[in-house]
Amino acid sequence: MPTDNPFIESFNGNLRDECLNIHWFLSMEDVQERLDRWREEYNHDRTHSSLNDFTPTEFSRSHQSRQIL
């Protein structure tokens, strides 16, 4: 049920809509390359409103630096 874990359901929907449904994969290597590019963009370039408009990488770094102090 989609309400069981909305964060995972949202991620899965984004992955399917933005990567899996729009590409015709030619090989397993092609799948890996396209998924790697999508994951890089998702984690390092795209801001997320659920993370106060930080990228996941920025959000993680900001929380790691707080734990060190």
Protein backbone atom coordinates (compact mmCIF):
# COMPACT_ATOMS: atom_id res chain seq x y z
CA MET A 1 0.00 0.00 0.00
CA PRO A 2 1.47 3.42 -0.97
CA THR A 3 0.79 4.91 2.45
CA ASP A 4 3.00 2.36 4.20
CA ASN A 5 6.21 4.17 3.27
CA PRO A 6 5.53 7.37 1.31
CA PHE A 7 9.23 8.29 0.97
CA ILE A 8 10.10 5.02 -0.75
CA GLU A 9 6.95 5.16 -2.88
CA SER A 10 7.88 8.68 -3.99
CA PHE A 11 11.44 7.61 -4.83
CA ASN A 12 10.21 4.55 -6.74
CA GLY A 13 7.76 6.70 -8.68
CA ASN A 14 10.47 9.20 -9.61
CA LEU A 15 12.85 6.44 -10.69
CA ARG A 16 10.18 4.80 -12.82
CA ASP A 17 8.88 8.06 -14.38
CA GLU A 18 12.26 9.70 -14.99
CA CYS A 19 14.41 6.74 -15.95
CA LEU A 20 12.88 3.31 -16.34
CA ASN A 21 9.79 4.25 -18.36
CA ILE A 22 11.53 6.59 -20.79
CA HIS A 23 14.50 4.48 -21.89
CA TRP A 24 14.75 1.42 -24.06
CA PHE A 25 17.72 -0.42 -22.56
CA LEU A 26 20.03 -2.17 -24.98
CA SER A 27 22.09 -4.21 -22.51
CA MET A 28 22.73 -4.64 -18.80
CA GLU A 29 25.66 -2.24 -19.18
CA ASP A 30 23.29 0.34 -20.67
CA VAL A 31 20.92 -0.13 -17.72
CA GLN A 32 23.78 0.35 -15.25
CA GLU A 33 25.08 3.48 -17.00
CA ARG A 34 21.65 5.14 -17.19
CA LEU A 35 20.80 4.27 -13.58
CA ASP A 36 24.17 5.56 -12.41
CA ARG A 37 23.61 8.87 -14.23
CA TRP A 38 20.08 9.20 -12.83
CA ARG A 39 21.28 8.41 -9.29
CA GLU A 40 24.10 10.96 -9.56
CA GLU A 41 21.68 13.67 -10.67
CA TYR A 42 19.11 12.68 -8.02
CA ASN A 43 21.62 12.73 -5.15
CA HIS A 44 24.07 15.46 -6.16
CA ASP A 45 22.31 17.95 -8.43
CA ARG A 46 18.59 17.93 -7.65
CA THR A 47 17.21 19.76 -4.66
CA HIS A 48 14.43 18.08 -2.68
CA SER A 49 11.66 20.02 -0.99
CA SER A 50 11.51 17.39 1.77
CA LEU A 51 15.15 18.29 2.59
CA ASN A 52 14.53 22.06 2.76
CA ASP A 53 15.66 22.40 -0.87
CA PHE A 54 19.05 20.80 -0.29
CA THR A 55 20.38 17.99 -2.42
CA PRO A 56 20.63 14.71 -0.50
CA THR A 57 24.43 15.08 -0.52
CA GLU A 58 24.28 18.60 0.93
CA PHE A 59 21.73 17.54 3.52
CA SER A 60 23.86 14.59 4.60
CA ARG A 61 27.01 16.71 4.87
CA SER A 62 25.26 19.35 6.95
CA HIS A 63 24.06 16.72 9.41
CA GLN A 64 27.43 14.99 9.59
CA SER A 65 29.18 18.26 10.42
CA ARG A 66 26.68 18.91 13.23
CA GLN A 67 27.35 15.49 14.76
CA ILE A 68 31.11 16.12 14.81
CA LEU A 69 30.74 19.31 16.84
